[in-house]
Amino acid sequence: MGSRLHGIIVKEFIQLGRDRLALTLMLFVPVVMLFIFGWAINTDVKHAPT
């Protein structure tokens, strides 16, 4: 089972090396989402009565 999994992983990395757009999106989109969610989920309390 380990060799089959290794073969699939190697195949996927070869395919990603051929497709630059997929590699770029795979790396770029999660980073952008981290910034967007980090900005959107703000834990500062602004409108609470004290």
PDB file of N, CA and C in Angstrom:
ATOM      1  N   MET A   1       0.823  -1.188   0.000  1.00  0.00           N
ATOM      2  CA  MET A   1       0.000   0.000   0.000  1.00  0.00           C
ATOM      3  C   MET A   1       0.868   1.253   0.000  1.00  0.00           C
ATOM      4  N   GLY A   2       1.973   1.233   0.693  1.00  0.00           N
ATOM      5  CA  GLY A   2       2.838   2.402   0.743  1.00  0.00           C
ATOM      6  C   GLY A   2       3.413   2.751  -0.610  1.00  0.00           C
ATOM      7  N   SER A   3       3.753   1.737  -1.406  1.00  0.00           N
ATOM      8  CA  SER A   3       4.324   2.026  -2.720  1.00  0.00           C
ATOM      9  C   SER A   3       3.256   2.589  -3.663  1.00  0.00           C
ATOM     10  N   ARG A   4       2.015   2.156  -3.518  1.00  0.00           N
ATOM     11  CA  ARG A   4       0.938   2.705  -4.352  1.00  0.00           C
ATOM     12  C   ARG A   4       0.698   4.171  -4.009  1.00  0.00           C
ATOM     13  N   LEU A   5       0.682   4.470  -2.731  1.00  0.00           N
ATOM     14  CA  LEU A   5       0.492   5.848  -2.299  1.00  0.00           C
ATOM     15  C   LEU A   5       1.656   6.713  -2.772  1.00  0.00           C
ATOM     16  N   HIS A   6       2.854   6.203  -2.649  1.00  0.00           N
ATOM     17  CA  HIS A   6       4.037   6.935  -3.105  1.00  0.00           C
ATOM     18  C   HIS A   6       3.951   7.203  -4.604  1.00  0.00           C
ATOM     19  N   GLY A   7       3.506   6.234  -5.356  1.00  0.00           N
ATOM     20  CA  GLY A   7       3.363   6.408  -6.798  1.00  0.00           C
ATOM     21  C   GLY A   7       2.356   7.481  -7.158  1.00  0.00           C
ATOM     22  N   ILE A   8       1.248   7.518  -6.432  1.00  0.00           N
ATOM     23  CA  ILE A   8       0.227   8.538  -6.678  1.00  0.00           C
ATOM     24  C   ILE A   8       0.764   9.926  -6.330  1.00  0.00           C
ATOM     25  N   ILE A   9       1.479  10.017  -5.222  1.00  0.00           N
ATOM     26  CA  ILE A   9       2.045  11.309  -4.818  1.00  0.00           C
ATOM     27  C   ILE A   9       3.053  11.804  -5.849  1.00  0.00           C
ATOM     28  N   VAL A  10       3.916  10.917  -6.323  1.00  0.00           N
ATOM     29  CA  VAL A  10       4.902  11.295  -7.340  1.00  0.00           C
ATOM     30  C   VAL A  10       4.200  11.735  -8.616  1.00  0.00           C
ATOM     31  N   LYS A  11       3.173  11.005  -9.022  1.00  0.00           N
ATOM     32  CA  LYS A  11       2.423  11.356 -10.234  1.00  0.00           C
ATOM     33  C   LYS A  11       1.797  12.736 -10.115  1.00  0.00           C
ATOM     34  N   GLU A  12       1.217  13.037  -8.963  1.00  0.00           N
ATOM     35  CA  GLU A  12       0.576  14.334  -8.779  1.00  0.00           C
ATOM     36  C   GLU A  12       1.596  15.467  -8.810  1.00  0.00           C
ATOM     37  N   PHE A  13       2.767  15.264  -8.219  1.00  0.00           N
ATOM     38  CA  PHE A  13       3.785  16.310  -8.265  1.00  0.00           C
ATOM     39  C   PHE A  13       4.317  16.515  -9.675  1.00  0.00           C
ATOM     40  N   ILE A  14       4.414  15.456 -10.444  1.00  0.00           N
ATOM     41  CA  ILE A  14       4.824  15.590 -11.846  1.00  0.00           C
ATOM     42  C   ILE A  14       3.784  16.393 -12.614  1.00  0.00           C
ATOM     43  N   GLN A  15       2.507  16.102 -12.388  1.00  0.00           N
ATOM     44  CA  GLN A  15       1.447  16.834 -13.071  1.00  0.00           C
ATOM     45  C   GLN A  15       1.434  18.310 -12.662  1.00  0.00           C
ATOM     46  N   LEU A  16       1.674  18.587 -11.383  1.00  0.00           N
ATOM     47  CA  LEU A  16       1.724  19.979 -10.946  1.00  0.00           C
ATOM     48  C   LEU A  16       2.918  20.705 -11.548  1.00  0.00           C
ATOM     49  N   GLY A  17       4.020  20.006 -11.735  1.00  0.00           N
ATOM     50  CA  GLY A  17       5.175  20.618 -12.374  1.00  0.00           C
ATOM     51  C   GLY A  17       4.911  20.985 -13.816  1.00  0.00           C
ATOM     52  N   ARG A  18       4.055  20.245 -14.466  1.00  0.00           N
ATOM     53  CA  ARG A  18       3.711  20.535 -15.856  1.00  0.00           C
ATOM     54  C   ARG A  18       2.707  21.669 -15.973  1.00  0.00           C
ATOM     55  N   ASP A  19       1.818  21.775 -15.013  1.00  0.00           N
ATOM     56  CA  ASP A  19       0.746  22.768 -15.075  1.00  0.00           C
ATOM     57  C   ASP A  19       1.071  23.913 -14.115  1.00  0.00           C
ATOM     58  N   ARG A  20       1.675  24.951 -14.637  1.00  0.00           N
ATOM     59  CA  ARG A  20       2.107  26.075 -13.798  1.00  0.00           C
ATOM     60  C   ARG A  20       0.922  26.843 -13.213  1.00  0.00           C
ATOM     61  N   LEU A  21      -0.173  26.918 -13.946  1.00  0.00           N
ATOM     62  CA  LEU A  21      -1.344  27.626 -13.432  1.00  0.00           C
ATOM     63  C   LEU A  21      -1.902  26.929 -12.193  1.00  0.00           C
ATOM     64  N   ALA A  22      -1.998  25.615 -12.232  1.00  0.00           N
ATOM     65  CA  ALA A  22      -2.513  24.876 -11.072  1.00  0.00           C
ATOM     66  C   ALA A  22      -1.579  25.029  -9.874  1.00  0.00           C
ATOM     67  N   LEU A  23      -0.280  25.000 -10.118  1.00  0.00           N
ATOM     68  CA  LEU A  23       0.686  25.168  -9.030  1.00  0.00           C
ATOM     69  C   LEU A  23       0.577  26.565  -8.428  1.00  0.00           C
ATOM     70  N   THR A  24       0.451  27.564  -9.285  1.00  0.00           N
ATOM     71  CA  THR A  24       0.317  28.939  -8.800  1.00  0.00           C
ATOM     72  C   THR A  24      -0.953  29.107  -7.977  1.00  0.00           C
ATOM     73  N   LEU A  25      -2.063  28.574  -8.478  1.00  0.00           N
ATOM     74  CA  LEU A  25      -3.319  28.691  -7.735  1.00  0.00           C
ATOM     75  C   LEU A  25      -3.277  27.908  -6.430  1.00  0.00           C
ATOM     76  N   MET A  26      -2.621  26.764  -6.444  1.00  0.00           N
ATOM     77  CA  MET A  26      -2.546  25.943  -5.244  1.00  0.00           C
ATOM     78  C   MET A  26      -1.761  26.658  -4.139  1.00  0.00           C
ATOM     79  N   LEU A  27      -0.808  27.480  -4.511  1.00  0.00           N
ATOM     80  CA  LEU A  27      -0.019  28.196  -3.513  1.00  0.00           C
ATOM     81  C   LEU A  27      -0.595  29.577  -3.199  1.00  0.00           C
ATOM     82  N   PHE A  28      -1.172  30.241  -4.192  1.00  0.00           N
ATOM     83  CA  PHE A  28      -1.613  31.624  -4.042  1.00  0.00           C
ATOM     84  C   PHE A  28      -2.962  31.742  -3.338  1.00  0.00           C
ATOM     85  N   VAL A  29      -3.916  30.919  -3.694  1.00  0.00           N
ATOM     86  CA  VAL A  29      -5.277  31.035  -3.156  1.00  0.00           C
ATOM     87  C   VAL A  29      -5.323  30.823  -1.637  1.00  0.00           C
ATOM     88  N   PRO A  30      -4.671  29.815  -1.068  1.00  0.00           N
ATOM     89  CA  PRO A  30      -4.730  29.681   0.400  1.00  0.00           C
ATOM     90  C   PRO A  30      -4.110  30.863   1.145  1.00  0.00           C
ATOM     91  N   VAL A  31      -3.046  31.446   0.597  1.00  0.00           N
ATOM     92  CA  VAL A  31      -2.431  32.606   1.246  1.00  0.00           C
ATOM     93  C   VAL A  31      -3.387  33.796   1.215  1.00  0.00           C
ATOM     94  N   VAL A  32      -4.032  34.020   0.091  1.00  0.00           N
ATOM     95  CA  VAL A  32      -4.999  35.115  -0.014  1.00  0.00           C
ATOM     96  C   VAL A  32      -6.168  34.879   0.935  1.00  0.00           C
ATOM     97  N   MET A  33      -6.631  33.652   1.024  1.00  0.00           N
ATOM     98  CA  MET A  33      -7.749  33.347   1.929  1.00  0.00           C
ATOM     99  C   MET A  33      -7.361  33.569   3.387  1.00  0.00           C
ATOM    100  N   LEU A  34      -6.120  33.254   3.753  1.00  0.00           N
ATOM    101  CA  LEU A  34      -5.665  33.522   5.117  1.00  0.00           C
ATOM    102  C   LEU A  34      -5.736  35.010   5.434  1.00  0.00           C
ATOM    103  N   PHE A  35      -5.291  35.845   4.497  1.00  0.00           N
ATOM    104  CA  PHE A  35      -5.355  37.286   4.729  1.00  0.00           C
ATOM    105  C   PHE A  35      -6.796  37.782   4.789  1.00  0.00           C
ATOM    106  N   ILE A  36      -7.645  37.292   3.915  1.00  0.00           N
ATOM    107  CA  ILE A  36      -9.043  37.740   3.907  1.00  0.00           C
ATOM    108  C   ILE A  36      -9.750  37.325   5.189  1.00  0.00           C
ATOM    109  N   PHE A  37      -9.597  36.073   5.598  1.00  0.00           N
ATOM    110  CA  PHE A  37     -10.267  35.621   6.818  1.00  0.00           C
ATOM    111  C   PHE A  37      -9.655  36.264   8.053  1.00  0.00           C
ATOM    112  N   GLY A  38      -8.357  36.508   8.038  1.00  0.00           N
ATOM    113  CA  GLY A  38      -7.730  37.202   9.158  1.00  0.00           C
ATOM    114  C   GLY A  38      -8.241  38.622   9.305  1.00  0.00           C
ATOM    115  N   TRP A  39      -8.539  39.266   8.182  1.00  0.00           N
ATOM    116  CA  TRP A  39      -9.068  40.621   8.213  1.00  0.00           C
ATOM    117  C   TRP A  39     -10.553  40.609   8.579  1.00  0.00           C
ATOM    118  N   ALA A  40     -11.290  39.633   8.074  1.00  0.00           N
ATOM    119  CA  ALA A  40     -12.737  39.594   8.281  1.00  0.00           C
ATOM    120  C   ALA A  40     -13.103  39.161   9.697  1.00  0.00           C
ATOM    121  N   ILE A  41     -12.344  38.251  10.263  1.00  0.00           N
ATOM    122  CA  ILE A  41     -12.645  37.758  11.611  1.00  0.00           C
ATOM    123  C   ILE A  41     -11.830  38.583  12.597  1.00  0.00           C
ATOM    124  N   ASN A  42     -12.427  39.644  13.041  1.00  0.00           N
ATOM    125  CA  ASN A  42     -11.765  40.561  13.952  1.00  0.00           C
ATOM    126  C   ASN A  42     -12.362  40.352  15.337  1.00  0.00           C
ATOM    127  N   THR A  43     -11.529  40.167  16.325  1.00  0.00           N
ATOM    128  CA  THR A  43     -12.021  39.863  17.668  1.00  0.00           C
ATOM    129  C   THR A  43     -12.107  41.099  18.557  1.00  0.00           C
ATOM    130  N   ASP A  44     -11.884  42.280  18.000  1.00  0.00           N
ATOM    131  CA  ASP A  44     -12.002  43.497  18.799  1.00  0.00           C
ATOM    132  C   ASP A  44     -13.477  43.823  19.033  1.00  0.00           C
ATOM    133  N   VAL A  45     -13.799  44.133  20.267  1.00  0.00           N
ATOM    134  CA  VAL A  45     -15.167  44.511  20.614  1.00  0.00           C
ATOM    135  C   VAL A  45     -15.279  46.024  20.431  1.00  0.00           C
ATOM    136  N   LYS A  46     -16.202  46.452  19.552  1.00  0.00           N
ATOM    137  CA  LYS A  46     -16.299  47.888  19.250  1.00  0.00           C
ATOM    138  C   LYS A  46     -17.615  48.509  19.711  1.00  0.00           C
ATOM    139  N   HIS A  47     -18.713  47.792  19.624  1.00  0.00           N
ATOM    140  CA  HIS A  47     -20.020  48.396  19.886  1.00  0.00           C
ATOM    141  C   HIS A  47     -20.712  47.777  21.102  1.00  0.00           C
ATOM    142  N   ALA A  48     -19.963  47.400  22.093  1.00  0.00           N
ATOM    143  CA  ALA A  48     -20.563  46.830  23.300  1.00  0.00           C
ATOM    144  C   ALA A  48     -20.656  47.916  24.371  1.00  0.00           C
ATOM    145  N   PRO A  49     -21.798  48.017  25.024  1.00  0.00           N
ATOM    146  CA  PRO A  49     -21.910  49.015  26.097  1.00  0.00           C
ATOM    147  C   PRO A  49     -21.038  48.618  27.290  1.00  0.00           C
ATOM    148  N   THR A  50     -20.428  49.619  27.885  1.00  0.00           N
ATOM    149  CA  THR A  50     -19.555  49.336  29.037  1.00  0.00           C
ATOM    150  C   THR A  50     -20.159  49.847  30.315  1.00  0.00           C
TER     151      THR A  50
END
